[in-house]
Amino acid sequence: MLHMRNETSKKTATAWLLATALVVGLPQLASAETVLRIGMTAADIPRTLGQPDQGFEGNRFTGLTMYDGLTMWDLSSADKASVMIPGLATEWKVDEADKKKWTFKLRPGVKFHDGSDFNADAVVWNVEKVLKQDAPHFDASQVGVTASRMPTLASARKIDDLTVELTTKEPDSFLPINLTNLFMASPAKWQAFYDKAEGADAKAKSQAAWAAFARDASGTGPWKMSKFTPRERLELVKNDGYWDKARVPKVDKMVLLPMPEANARTAALLSGQVDWVEAPAPDAVKEIKQRGFQLKANESPHVWPWQFSRIEGSPWNDIRVRKAANLCIDREGLKEGLLAGLMVPATGTFEAGHPWRGKPTFEIKYDLKAAQKLMQEAGYGPSKKLTVKTQTSASGSGQMQPLPMNEYLQQALAECYFDVQLDVIEWNTLFTNWRRGAKDPTANGANATNVTYAAMDPFFALVRFLQSSMAPPVSNNWGFINNPKFDELVTKARQTFDPAARDAALAELHAASVDDAAFLYVAHDVSPRAMSQKVKGFVQPKSWFVDFSPVTMAP
């Protein structure tokens, strides 16, 4: 590992020189306005039309900035867990007589960026853009990143201008949390583009309207689109008319720049070309601090795993093999060596003290002898290795440092008689493949996938992976897990509307998943980001998302 570190340092130094040569060409911005420049891990600007791609990094940068949902996350504290709060809806309740129906009261006086009114018609329109296939504005390209995150939502109905009824396919206590992912785009702005669009038929005109909308978007969020150059930059300006006056941005402009390579991001920061970078190169942490830059980190509800295939013939169908892999990883060594302290070792999706942790009986830790013993019991050893293939990315939202981390796992698992092969693809392709599943040709024969996941709510943390009905193309049960116990506990939690009882059911589900070694649990992200001393007022929440509104830029 020491040799690897030295080689990595040499590569890092070389990359910095090359990256600096590239980033010096970034245009300098006028000093008359306050500007925050951010280097993202994404290889492209996340989609801007209302439902971003690029995973939750897309939500962070082009979702929660320009748009709002009916519900949203409180991102104001660095000490307390982020919780769901009212957004464009001020209150909601489930119908006691029919728990498939919810009533949402909407916030009065909210305007879209184009000046049109936000109301119940707009909510119905935004639900139908991803659920109603015969709607004129239905956009299949937005379905995958939206419908899979709220799989029980069936329809929306206007009651009056400020009241809407949402109906689910089954009783679902998770719905208000799921709705943090449905962003409200302006129907009036889209209609204006549609009326001017050219196309052979209504579907072609609709696609043209959405393409135009993406170039000149309109939401209700605290930031408005100013300038957009695909694959290069997105410029957002503050929305002075934002409905929450406390969250009107403090800087005039925010510039988002795709920088998928960690060393290039770091070089851009150190050379003064950007003010803020996501996930700096771990080898550069010492220099970043020595040169007076800020390093922000906080444990976030985000897990770095391998998700196992459970289809017929998968080597991971043997629980001894799954448990052996979990016992074969020295997570503290990964943390202190490769990642310069920028992770929290994972022993499940949730750690001790979390209400959904439960009481697993399988203790995930580093125990090489126990791991080797399990592998030998499964029929493997020094002369008979088990070949496994994992699909991963070179960068991307929440992927931390995917290549060096997977190479670390590759070496570690070799000691437990695994022969690990890595299939490295582009992040957005990996994310798309995640919804297609282990049976799809895009898996390239991989029997595990390395897609990080947010664990802020029950659906994202557990249900979409463990419930058999969430298998592709419905949601993210990539490996086609089919465990009747999991299904029973999911139903129990989803149909429990008392918070304490629901938490107890979720804790039981999580404990069962750990005992089954459902994933190879490796790390919890701490969302490291480095920034100039000029950046003031930023709160690093215990969340995968952040609020850019309070940030100021010192002279």
Protein backbone atom coordinates (compact mmCIF):
# COMPACT_ATOMS: atom_id res chain seq x y z
CA MET A 1 0.00 0.00 0.00
CA LEU A 2 2.98 2.35 0.73
CA HIS A 3 4.22 1.76 -2.82
CA MET A 4 0.73 2.52 -4.13
CA ARG A 5 0.63 5.73 -2.11
CA ASN A 6 4.01 6.89 -3.51
CA GLU A 7 2.93 6.10 -7.07
CA THR A 8 -0.38 7.88 -6.50
CA SER A 9 1.44 10.95 -5.18
CA LYS A 10 3.61 11.08 -8.31
CA LYS A 11 0.56 10.78 -10.53
CA THR A 12 -1.19 13.44 -8.49
CA ALA A 13 1.66 15.91 -8.88
CA THR A 14 1.75 15.33 -12.64
CA ALA A 15 -2.00 15.65 -12.91
CA TRP A 16 -1.96 18.93 -11.02
CA LEU A 17 0.51 20.42 -13.51
CA LEU A 18 -1.57 19.26 -16.46
CA ALA A 19 -4.83 20.30 -14.86
CA THR A 20 -3.49 23.73 -13.98
CA ALA A 21 -2.57 24.23 -17.63
CA LEU A 22 -6.14 23.37 -18.56
CA VAL A 23 -7.98 25.41 -15.97
CA VAL A 24 -6.04 28.64 -16.42
CA GLY A 25 -8.12 29.03 -19.55
CA LEU A 26 -11.33 29.32 -17.55
CA PRO A 27 -12.76 32.78 -18.10
CA GLN A 28 -12.32 35.30 -15.32
CA LEU A 29 -15.55 36.84 -14.06
CA ALA A 30 -16.35 40.47 -13.50
CA SER A 31 -15.54 41.71 -10.00
CA ALA A 32 -18.58 44.00 -9.88
CA GLU A 33 -20.74 41.09 -8.78
CA THR A 34 -20.15 38.45 -6.12
CA VAL A 35 -19.58 35.07 -7.75
CA LEU A 36 -19.19 31.57 -6.31
CA ARG A 37 -17.43 29.11 -8.66
CA ILE A 38 -17.81 25.38 -7.92
CA GLY A 39 -16.02 22.36 -9.40
CA MET A 40 -18.43 19.40 -9.42
CA THR A 41 -17.49 15.71 -9.62
CA ALA A 42 -19.97 15.24 -12.47
CA ALA A 43 -18.60 14.89 -16.00
CA ASP A 44 -21.44 16.99 -17.41
CA ILE A 45 -23.91 19.59 -16.21
CA PRO A 46 -26.83 17.67 -14.66
CA ARG A 47 -30.03 18.05 -16.64
CA THR A 48 -31.74 21.38 -16.06
CA LEU A 49 -35.32 20.74 -17.19
CA GLY A 50 -36.68 19.94 -13.73
CA GLN A 51 -35.71 16.32 -13.00
CA PRO A 52 -31.89 16.15 -12.97
CA ASP A 53 -29.75 13.19 -13.90
CA GLN A 54 -26.25 12.54 -12.46
CA GLY A 55 -27.72 11.00 -9.31
CA PHE A 56 -28.21 13.13 -6.24
CA GLU A 57 -25.38 15.43 -7.27
CA GLY A 58 -27.80 16.48 -9.98
CA ASN A 59 -30.46 17.17 -7.37
CA ARG A 60 -27.95 19.15 -5.33
CA PHE A 61 -26.84 21.43 -8.15
CA THR A 62 -29.67 21.74 -10.69
CA GLY A 63 -32.64 20.46 -8.68
CA LEU A 64 -32.68 22.11 -5.26
CA THR A 65 -31.19 25.31 -6.67
CA MET A 66 -33.66 26.19 -9.42
CA TYR A 67 -36.63 24.17 -8.20
CA ASP A 68 -38.66 23.27 -5.12
CA GLY A 69 -40.72 20.24 -4.19
CA LEU A 70 -43.90 20.07 -2.17
CA THR A 71 -41.68 18.90 0.68
CA MET A 72 -38.01 19.65 1.22
CA TRP A 73 -35.05 19.04 3.55
CA ASP A 74 -33.94 21.24 6.44
CA LEU A 75 -30.27 21.85 5.62
CA SER A 76 -29.62 24.54 8.22
CA SER A 77 -27.75 22.53 10.88
CA ALA A 78 -24.33 20.89 10.98
CA ASP A 79 -25.17 19.06 14.21
CA LYS A 80 -28.67 17.65 13.77
CA ALA A 81 -29.84 15.14 11.19
CA SER A 82 -31.57 16.73 8.23
CA VAL A 83 -35.34 16.27 8.45
CA MET A 84 -38.21 16.80 6.04
CA ILE A 85 -39.99 20.15 6.28
CA PRO A 86 -42.76 21.94 4.32
CA GLY A 87 -41.79 23.28 0.91
CA LEU A 88 -44.33 24.36 -1.68
CA ALA A 89 -46.89 22.55 0.46
CA THR A 90 -47.52 24.01 3.89
CA GLU A 91 -49.30 20.97 5.35
CA TRP A 92 -50.58 17.53 4.38
CA LYS A 93 -52.55 14.64 5.79
CA VAL A 94 -53.61 11.16 4.85
CA ASP A 95 -57.31 10.31 4.55
CA GLU A 96 -58.17 8.17 7.59
CA ALA A 97 -60.94 6.43 5.67
CA ASP A 98 -58.76 5.71 2.61
CA LYS A 99 -55.04 5.76 3.29
CA LYS A 100 -54.27 5.82 -0.42
CA LYS A 101 -55.42 9.46 -0.57
CA TRP A 102 -53.48 12.49 0.68
CA THR A 103 -54.49 16.14 0.78
CA PHE A 104 -51.77 18.78 0.36
CA LYS A 105 -52.32 22.47 1.09
CA LEU A 106 -50.18 24.69 -1.12
CA ARG A 107 -48.20 27.79 -0.28
CA PRO A 108 -49.96 30.95 -1.51
CA GLY A 109 -48.29 33.71 -3.50
CA VAL A 110 -45.46 31.64 -5.02
CA LYS A 111 -44.30 32.59 -8.51
CA PHE A 112 -42.28 30.70 -11.07
CA HIS A 113 -39.19 32.45 -12.44
CA ASP A 114 -41.17 33.46 -15.55
CA GLY A 115 -43.74 35.24 -13.35
CA SER A 116 -46.55 32.69 -13.68
CA ASP A 117 -48.39 31.39 -10.60
CA PHE A 118 -47.61 28.20 -8.75
CA ASN A 119 -50.90 26.49 -7.88
CA ALA A 120 -52.73 23.15 -7.86
CA ASP A 121 -52.85 23.06 -11.66
CA ALA A 122 -49.05 23.24 -11.67
CA VAL A 123 -48.79 20.33 -9.23
CA VAL A 124 -51.10 18.16 -11.35
CA TRP A 125 -49.12 19.12 -14.48
CA ASN A 126 -45.80 18.14 -12.85
CA VAL A 127 -47.14 14.80 -11.64
CA GLU A 128 -48.46 14.05 -15.11
CA LYS A 129 -45.17 14.95 -16.83
CA VAL A 130 -43.73 11.68 -15.45
CA LEU A 131 -46.82 9.49 -14.83
CA LYS A 132 -49.47 10.18 -17.48
CA GLN A 133 -48.22 8.81 -20.78
CA ASP A 134 -50.97 10.41 -22.86
CA ALA A 135 -50.41 13.87 -21.40
CA PRO A 136 -49.13 16.34 -24.06
CA HIS A 137 -46.14 17.22 -21.87
CA PHE A 138 -45.28 13.67 -20.75
CA ASP A 139 -41.50 13.26 -20.97
CA ALA A 140 -40.19 9.70 -20.92
CA SER A 141 -36.64 10.98 -20.35
CA GLN A 142 -37.64 12.27 -16.91
CA VAL A 143 -39.47 9.13 -15.80
CA GLY A 144 -36.50 6.97 -14.82
CA VAL A 145 -35.03 9.45 -12.35
CA THR A 146 -38.43 10.36 -10.89
CA ALA A 147 -41.04 7.61 -10.95
CA SER A 148 -38.56 5.10 -9.50
CA ARG A 149 -38.17 7.43 -6.49
CA MET A 150 -41.90 7.60 -5.78
CA PRO A 151 -43.17 4.26 -7.13
CA THR A 152 -46.56 4.26 -5.41
CA LEU A 153 -47.77 7.68 -6.59
CA ALA A 154 -50.60 7.10 -9.09
CA SER A 155 -52.28 10.44 -9.80
CA ALA A 156 -52.99 14.03 -8.76
CA ARG A 157 -56.28 15.91 -8.68
CA LYS A 158 -56.99 19.60 -8.15
CA ILE A 159 -59.46 20.36 -5.36
CA ASP A 160 -59.06 24.13 -5.51
CA ASP A 161 -56.28 26.54 -6.48
CA LEU A 162 -54.32 25.85 -3.30
CA THR A 163 -55.37 22.26 -2.54
CA VAL A 164 -54.41 19.07 -4.34
CA GLU A 165 -55.22 15.42 -3.72
CA LEU A 166 -52.55 12.80 -4.42
CA THR A 167 -53.49 9.14 -4.74
CA THR A 168 -51.14 6.19 -4.26
CA LYS A 169 -51.44 2.64 -5.55
CA GLU A 170 -51.34 1.30 -2.00
CA PRO A 171 -51.18 2.83 1.48
CA ASP A 172 -47.75 4.46 1.70
CA SER A 173 -46.56 6.41 4.72
CA PHE A 174 -43.35 7.30 2.81
CA LEU A 175 -45.09 9.50 0.21
CA PRO A 176 -44.35 12.94 1.73
CA ILE A 177 -40.63 12.05 1.89
CA ASN A 178 -40.63 10.71 -1.67
CA LEU A 179 -42.07 14.02 -2.89
CA THR A 180 -38.82 15.84 -2.05
CA ASN A 181 -37.70 14.44 -5.43
CA LEU A 182 -40.53 15.80 -7.57
CA PHE A 183 -39.48 19.28 -8.65
CA MET A 184 -42.02 21.81 -9.87
CA ALA A 185 -41.31 23.19 -13.35
CA SER A 186 -43.35 26.00 -14.90
CA PRO A 187 -46.25 24.77 -17.07
CA ALA A 188 -46.66 28.24 -18.58
CA LYS A 189 -43.02 28.40 -19.68
CA TRP A 190 -43.18 24.93 -21.21
CA GLN A 191 -46.44 25.75 -23.00
CA ALA A 192 -44.89 28.86 -24.53
CA PHE A 193 -42.07 26.74 -25.93
CA TYR A 194 -44.53 24.11 -27.14
CA ASP A 195 -46.64 26.69 -28.98
CA LYS A 196 -43.54 27.83 -30.90
CA ALA A 197 -42.04 24.38 -31.41
CA GLU A 198 -41.69 22.70 -34.77
CA GLY A 199 -42.25 18.99 -35.22
CA ALA A 200 -43.97 16.35 -37.29
CA ASP A 201 -46.44 15.55 -34.54
CA ALA A 202 -47.37 16.46 -30.96
CA LYS A 203 -44.74 14.14 -29.50
CA ALA A 204 -41.96 15.74 -31.53
CA LYS A 205 -43.17 19.21 -30.55
CA SER A 206 -43.22 18.16 -26.89
CA GLN A 207 -39.65 16.91 -27.08
CA ALA A 208 -38.60 20.17 -28.74
CA ALA A 209 -40.38 22.14 -26.02
CA TRP A 210 -38.56 20.24 -23.27
CA ALA A 211 -35.22 20.76 -25.03
CA ALA A 212 -35.92 24.49 -25.20
CA PHE A 213 -37.05 24.50 -21.56
CA ALA A 214 -33.75 22.89 -20.50
CA ARG A 215 -31.87 25.81 -22.12
CA ASP A 216 -34.09 28.43 -20.45
CA ALA A 217 -35.54 26.78 -17.36
CA SER A 218 -38.15 28.11 -14.96
CA GLY A 219 -38.80 26.77 -11.48
CA THR A 220 -39.68 28.38 -8.16
CA GLY A 221 -36.27 27.91 -6.50
CA PRO A 222 -33.86 30.41 -4.93
CA TRP A 223 -31.64 30.40 -8.05
CA LYS A 224 -32.53 31.23 -11.65
CA MET A 225 -30.77 30.05 -14.81
CA SER A 226 -28.65 32.78 -16.37
CA LYS A 227 -26.33 31.09 -18.87
CA PHE A 228 -25.98 27.47 -19.90
CA THR A 229 -23.25 25.88 -21.99
CA PRO A 230 -23.76 22.09 -22.09
CA ARG A 231 -20.80 20.04 -20.79
CA GLU A 232 -18.98 23.26 -19.85
CA ARG A 233 -20.78 25.49 -17.36
CA LEU A 234 -24.07 26.54 -15.84
CA GLU A 235 -24.50 30.04 -14.42
CA LEU A 236 -27.24 30.68 -11.88
CA VAL A 237 -28.25 34.05 -10.44
CA LYS A 238 -30.11 34.76 -7.24
CA ASN A 239 -33.89 34.91 -7.31
CA ASP A 240 -34.70 38.14 -5.48
CA GLY A 241 -38.39 37.21 -5.55
CA TYR A 242 -37.97 33.85 -3.81
CA TRP A 243 -40.90 33.04 -1.52
CA ASP A 244 -38.69 32.33 1.51
CA LYS A 245 -36.97 35.68 2.10
CA ALA A 246 -34.54 34.06 4.57
CA ARG A 247 -33.20 31.90 1.73
CA VAL A 248 -32.69 34.50 -0.98
CA PRO A 249 -29.04 33.86 -1.99
CA LYS A 250 -26.40 36.15 -0.54
CA VAL A 251 -24.17 36.07 -3.64
CA ASP A 252 -25.16 37.36 -7.06
CA LYS A 253 -24.09 34.41 -9.16
CA MET A 254 -23.07 30.76 -8.84
CA VAL A 255 -21.08 29.07 -11.61
CA LEU A 256 -21.10 25.26 -11.84
CA LEU A 257 -18.25 23.55 -13.68
CA PRO A 258 -17.99 19.80 -14.45
CA MET A 259 -14.63 18.45 -13.23
CA PRO A 260 -14.85 14.66 -12.92
CA GLU A 261 -11.16 14.08 -12.15
CA ALA A 262 -10.18 14.68 -8.50
CA ASN A 263 -6.71 16.01 -9.26
CA ALA A 264 -8.05 18.45 -11.84
CA ARG A 265 -10.59 19.77 -9.30
CA THR A 266 -7.86 20.17 -6.71
CA ALA A 267 -5.58 21.96 -9.16
CA ALA A 268 -8.38 24.35 -10.09
CA LEU A 269 -8.91 25.23 -6.43
CA LEU A 270 -5.22 25.65 -5.58
CA SER A 271 -4.64 27.83 -8.64
CA GLY A 272 -7.58 30.09 -7.79
CA GLN A 273 -9.70 29.16 -10.81
CA VAL A 274 -12.59 28.00 -8.61
CA ASP A 275 -13.63 28.81 -5.06
CA TRP A 276 -15.02 25.41 -4.06
CA VAL A 277 -14.52 21.79 -5.11
CA GLU A 278 -16.44 18.66 -4.26
CA ALA A 279 -14.43 15.60 -3.14
CA PRO A 280 -10.84 16.90 -3.36
CA ALA A 281 -8.02 14.42 -3.99
CA PRO A 282 -7.23 12.73 -0.62
CA ASP A 283 -3.48 12.99 -1.30
CA ALA A 284 -3.91 16.76 -1.48
CA VAL A 285 -5.65 17.19 1.89
CA LYS A 286 -2.44 18.09 3.71
CA GLU A 287 -1.44 20.69 1.14
CA ILE A 288 -4.98 22.10 0.99
CA LYS A 289 -4.85 22.76 4.73
CA GLN A 290 -1.26 24.03 4.69
CA ARG A 291 -2.12 26.58 2.02
CA GLY A 292 -4.97 27.96 4.08
CA PHE A 293 -7.96 26.51 2.28
CA GLN A 294 -10.98 25.28 4.21
CA LEU A 295 -11.84 21.59 4.32
CA LYS A 296 -15.44 20.80 5.21
CA ALA A 297 -16.69 17.31 6.07
CA ASN A 298 -19.56 15.80 8.01
CA GLU A 299 -20.94 12.28 8.22
CA SER A 300 -23.74 12.12 5.70
CA PRO A 301 -26.49 9.54 5.13
CA HIS A 302 -24.74 8.10 2.11
CA VAL A 303 -23.33 4.59 1.68
CA TRP A 304 -20.48 3.34 -0.53
CA PRO A 305 -21.27 -0.35 -1.22
CA TRP A 306 -21.11 -3.21 -3.61
CA GLN A 307 -24.66 -4.28 -4.44
CA PHE A 308 -24.76 -8.00 -5.16
CA SER A 309 -26.49 -9.82 -7.99
CA ARG A 310 -28.80 -12.53 -6.73
CA ILE A 311 -29.85 -13.91 -10.08
CA GLU A 312 -29.37 -17.57 -10.89
CA GLY A 313 -25.70 -18.51 -11.07
CA SER A 314 -24.40 -15.51 -9.14
CA PRO A 315 -21.48 -16.32 -6.83
CA TRP A 316 -23.06 -14.03 -4.25
CA ASN A 317 -26.04 -16.35 -3.73
CA ASP A 318 -23.99 -18.15 -1.07
CA ILE A 319 -24.39 -16.24 2.21
CA ARG A 320 -20.99 -17.52 3.35
CA VAL A 321 -19.40 -15.71 0.41
CA ARG A 322 -21.34 -12.50 1.13
CA LYS A 323 -20.36 -12.56 4.78
CA ALA A 324 -16.73 -13.38 3.96
CA ALA A 325 -16.45 -10.33 1.72
CA ASN A 326 -17.81 -8.11 4.49
CA LEU A 327 -15.27 -9.54 6.97
CA CYS A 328 -12.32 -9.28 4.58
CA ILE A 329 -12.17 -5.47 4.31
CA ASP A 330 -10.00 -3.42 6.65
CA ARG A 331 -12.16 -0.30 6.62
CA GLU A 332 -9.98 1.57 9.13
CA GLY A 333 -6.98 0.93 6.89
CA LEU A 334 -8.92 2.30 3.92
CA LYS A 335 -9.93 5.34 5.93
CA GLU A 336 -6.55 6.25 7.38
CA GLY A 337 -4.45 5.18 4.41
CA LEU A 338 -6.05 5.84 1.07
CA LEU A 339 -8.74 8.36 2.04
CA ALA A 340 -6.84 10.55 4.53
CA GLY A 341 -9.58 10.11 7.12
CA LEU A 342 -12.39 11.19 4.79
CA MET A 343 -14.89 8.36 5.45
CA VAL A 344 -16.75 6.57 8.22
CA PRO A 345 -16.50 2.75 8.21
CA ALA A 346 -19.85 1.16 7.35
CA THR A 347 -21.33 -1.76 9.29
CA GLY A 348 -24.68 -1.48 7.51
CA THR A 349 -26.77 1.26 5.99
CA PHE A 350 -27.22 2.81 9.45
CA GLU A 351 -24.88 2.88 12.42
CA ALA A 352 -25.48 2.57 16.16
CA GLY A 353 -27.75 5.28 17.53
CA HIS A 354 -29.85 5.62 14.39
CA PRO A 355 -33.55 4.80 14.93
CA TRP A 356 -33.49 2.45 11.93
CA ARG A 357 -30.33 0.56 12.96
CA GLY A 358 -32.04 -2.31 14.81
CA LYS A 359 -30.07 -5.15 16.38
CA PRO A 360 -28.22 -7.16 13.72
CA THR A 361 -26.61 -10.39 14.89
CA PHE A 362 -23.99 -10.41 12.10
CA GLU A 363 -21.19 -8.05 13.16
CA ILE A 364 -19.49 -6.46 10.18
CA LYS A 365 -15.82 -5.91 11.02
CA TYR A 366 -12.32 -6.80 9.78
CA ASP A 367 -11.72 -10.45 10.63
CA LEU A 368 -9.45 -12.01 8.03
CA LYS A 369 -9.33 -15.49 9.58
CA ALA A 370 -13.11 -15.70 9.90
CA ALA A 371 -13.48 -14.54 6.29
CA GLN A 372 -11.00 -17.13 5.01
CA LYS A 373 -12.73 -19.86 7.02
CA LEU A 374 -16.11 -19.00 5.48
CA MET A 375 -14.62 -19.05 1.99
CA GLN A 376 -13.00 -22.43 2.64
CA GLU A 377 -16.34 -23.76 3.85
CA ALA A 378 -17.84 -22.51 0.57
CA GLY A 379 -15.21 -24.48 -1.37
CA TYR A 380 -12.57 -21.85 -2.13
CA GLY A 381 -8.95 -21.41 -1.13
CA PRO A 382 -5.45 -20.44 -2.29
CA SER A 383 -5.61 -22.84 -5.24
CA LYS A 384 -9.25 -22.21 -6.11
CA LYS A 385 -10.19 -18.55 -6.38
CA LEU A 386 -13.73 -17.19 -6.80
CA THR A 387 -13.97 -14.81 -9.75
CA VAL A 388 -16.32 -11.87 -9.22
CA LYS A 389 -16.88 -8.85 -11.45
CA THR A 390 -17.94 -5.42 -10.28
CA GLN A 391 -19.15 -2.54 -12.45
CA THR A 392 -18.00 0.86 -11.23
CA SER A 393 -17.27 4.38 -12.49
CA ALA A 394 -14.22 6.61 -12.72
CA SER A 395 -16.00 9.45 -10.90
CA GLY A 396 -19.48 10.71 -10.12
CA SER A 397 -22.03 11.73 -7.56
CA GLY A 398 -21.11 10.30 -4.15
CA GLN A 399 -18.70 7.81 -5.66
CA MET A 400 -15.92 9.29 -3.50
CA GLN A 401 -12.68 7.98 -5.08
CA PRO A 402 -14.09 4.96 -6.90
CA LEU A 403 -11.05 3.65 -8.77
CA PRO A 404 -8.51 3.66 -5.92
CA MET A 405 -11.16 2.42 -3.48
CA ASN A 406 -12.10 -0.48 -5.73
CA GLU A 407 -8.44 -1.30 -6.29
CA TYR A 408 -8.05 -1.40 -2.51
CA LEU A 409 -10.97 -3.83 -2.28
CA GLN A 410 -9.51 -5.86 -5.14
CA GLN A 411 -6.26 -6.34 -3.19
CA ALA A 412 -7.99 -6.93 0.14
CA LEU A 413 -10.42 -9.53 -1.20
CA ALA A 414 -7.55 -11.40 -2.90
CA GLU A 415 -6.47 -12.45 0.61
CA CYS A 416 -9.84 -14.17 0.96
CA TYR A 417 -9.53 -16.08 -2.31
CA PHE A 418 -11.52 -13.66 -4.47
CA ASP A 419 -10.35 -12.76 -7.97
CA VAL A 420 -11.95 -9.35 -8.48
CA GLN A 421 -12.41 -7.96 -11.98
CA LEU A 422 -13.42 -4.31 -12.45
CA ASP A 423 -15.58 -3.00 -15.28
CA VAL A 424 -15.04 0.79 -15.28
CA ILE A 425 -17.58 2.91 -17.15
CA GLU A 426 -18.76 6.53 -17.17
CA TRP A 427 -20.80 7.56 -14.14
CA ASN A 428 -24.05 8.49 -15.84
CA THR A 429 -23.94 5.23 -17.82
CA LEU A 430 -23.38 3.29 -14.59
CA PHE A 431 -26.33 5.10 -13.01
CA THR A 432 -28.54 4.29 -16.00
CA ASN A 433 -27.43 0.64 -15.91
CA TRP A 434 -28.39 0.57 -12.22
CA ARG A 435 -32.04 0.83 -13.20
CA ARG A 436 -31.68 -1.89 -15.85
CA GLY A 437 -30.45 -4.56 -13.50
CA ALA A 438 -28.04 -7.48 -13.36
CA LYS A 439 -29.92 -9.41 -16.06
CA ASP A 440 -29.49 -6.65 -18.65
CA PRO A 441 -26.68 -6.84 -21.25
CA THR A 442 -25.40 -3.48 -19.97
CA ALA A 443 -24.20 -5.25 -16.81
CA ASN A 444 -21.44 -6.74 -19.00
CA GLY A 445 -21.53 -9.92 -16.96
CA ALA A 446 -20.93 -8.10 -13.67
CA ASN A 447 -22.34 -9.75 -10.55
CA ALA A 448 -21.99 -6.63 -8.40
CA THR A 449 -22.41 -2.93 -8.99
CA ASN A 450 -20.74 -0.08 -7.13
CA VAL A 451 -23.35 2.70 -7.06
CA THR A 452 -23.44 4.76 -3.89
CA TYR A 453 -26.82 5.51 -2.37
CA ALA A 454 -28.44 8.11 -0.17
CA ALA A 455 -30.00 6.89 3.06
CA MET A 456 -32.07 9.88 4.11
CA ASP A 457 -35.44 8.20 3.93
CA PRO A 458 -36.82 4.66 4.17
CA PHE A 459 -37.48 4.20 0.48
CA PHE A 460 -34.04 5.33 -0.66
CA ALA A 461 -32.17 3.60 2.13
CA LEU A 462 -33.87 0.20 2.17
CA VAL A 463 -37.07 -0.40 0.22
CA ARG A 464 -35.87 0.19 -3.34
CA PHE A 465 -33.10 -2.41 -2.86
CA LEU A 466 -34.76 -5.05 -0.71
CA GLN A 467 -38.37 -5.32 -1.89
CA SER A 468 -38.76 -7.88 -4.67
CA SER A 469 -41.27 -5.70 -6.58
CA MET A 470 -38.64 -2.95 -6.84
CA ALA A 471 -36.59 -5.04 -9.30
CA PRO A 472 -35.86 -3.37 -12.67
CA PRO A 473 -37.36 -1.58 -14.44
CA VAL A 474 -39.43 -0.37 -11.45
CA SER A 475 -36.59 0.83 -9.23
CA ASN A 476 -33.09 -0.03 -7.97
CA ASN A 477 -33.24 -3.66 -6.81
CA TRP A 478 -30.42 -4.20 -9.33
CA GLY A 479 -29.58 -7.67 -8.09
CA PHE A 480 -33.18 -8.98 -8.05
CA ILE A 481 -33.25 -9.74 -4.33
CA ASN A 482 -36.32 -11.86 -3.59
CA ASN A 483 -36.63 -12.44 0.15
CA PRO A 484 -40.18 -12.93 1.52
CA LYS A 485 -39.10 -11.67 4.94
CA PHE A 486 -37.89 -8.40 3.43
CA ASP A 487 -41.16 -8.01 1.51
CA GLU A 488 -43.21 -8.62 4.65
CA LEU A 489 -41.25 -6.02 6.65
CA VAL A 490 -41.42 -3.44 3.84
CA THR A 491 -45.21 -3.76 3.73
CA LYS A 492 -45.38 -3.49 7.50
CA ALA A 493 -43.31 -0.29 7.56
CA ARG A 494 -45.01 1.31 4.58
CA GLN A 495 -48.49 0.75 6.00
CA THR A 496 -47.60 1.95 9.50
CA PHE A 497 -48.49 5.62 9.89
CA ASP A 498 -47.46 5.99 13.54
CA PRO A 499 -43.83 7.27 13.40
CA ALA A 500 -42.50 5.25 16.34
CA ALA A 501 -44.05 1.99 15.15
CA ARG A 502 -42.84 2.66 11.63
CA ASP A 503 -39.29 3.24 12.90
CA ALA A 504 -39.43 -0.07 14.75
CA ALA A 505 -40.47 -1.90 11.58
CA LEU A 506 -37.69 -0.20 9.61
CA ALA A 507 -35.15 -1.16 12.28
CA GLU A 508 -36.27 -4.77 11.97
CA LEU A 509 -35.89 -4.58 8.18
CA HIS A 510 -32.40 -3.08 8.39
CA ALA A 511 -31.23 -5.69 10.90
CA ALA A 512 -32.53 -8.45 8.64
CA SER A 513 -30.64 -7.01 5.65
CA VAL A 514 -27.37 -6.85 7.60
CA ASP A 515 -27.82 -10.38 8.90
CA ASP A 516 -28.32 -11.47 5.30
CA ALA A 517 -25.18 -9.54 4.22
CA ALA A 518 -27.34 -8.06 1.48
CA PHE A 519 -24.55 -5.68 0.39
CA LEU A 520 -20.82 -5.35 0.83
CA TYR A 521 -20.97 -2.36 3.16
CA VAL A 522 -17.73 -0.35 2.94
CA ALA A 523 -18.00 3.34 3.83
CA HIS A 524 -20.23 6.25 4.71
CA ASP A 525 -19.32 9.38 2.81
CA VAL A 526 -18.43 12.52 4.78
CA SER A 527 -19.08 14.71 1.72
CA PRO A 528 -15.65 16.39 1.76
CA ARG A 529 -15.38 19.69 -0.02
CA ALA A 530 -12.53 22.18 -0.06
CA MET A 531 -12.97 25.89 -0.51
CA SER A 532 -11.27 29.24 -0.46
CA GLN A 533 -11.12 31.29 2.72
CA LYS A 534 -13.28 33.80 0.84
CA VAL A 535 -16.25 31.45 1.17
CA LYS A 536 -18.18 32.36 4.31
CA GLY A 537 -21.47 31.34 5.89
CA PHE A 538 -21.59 27.79 4.55
CA VAL A 539 -23.17 25.13 6.77
CA GLN A 540 -22.10 21.54 6.08
CA PRO A 541 -25.24 19.62 7.06
CA LYS A 542 -25.59 15.94 7.88
CA SER A 543 -27.14 15.48 4.48
CA TRP A 544 -26.23 14.62 0.94
CA PHE A 545 -27.67 18.01 -0.05
CA VAL A 546 -26.55 21.53 0.87
CA ASP A 547 -28.08 24.99 0.94
CA PHE A 548 -26.08 27.52 -1.09
CA SER A 549 -28.29 30.45 -0.10
CA PRO A 550 -26.42 31.55 3.08
CA VAL A 551 -23.00 31.55 1.39
CA THR A 552 -21.20 34.87 1.03
CA MET A 553 -17.93 35.74 -0.73
CA ALA A 554 -15.46 37.93 1.15
CA PRO A 555 -13.50 40.48 -0.93
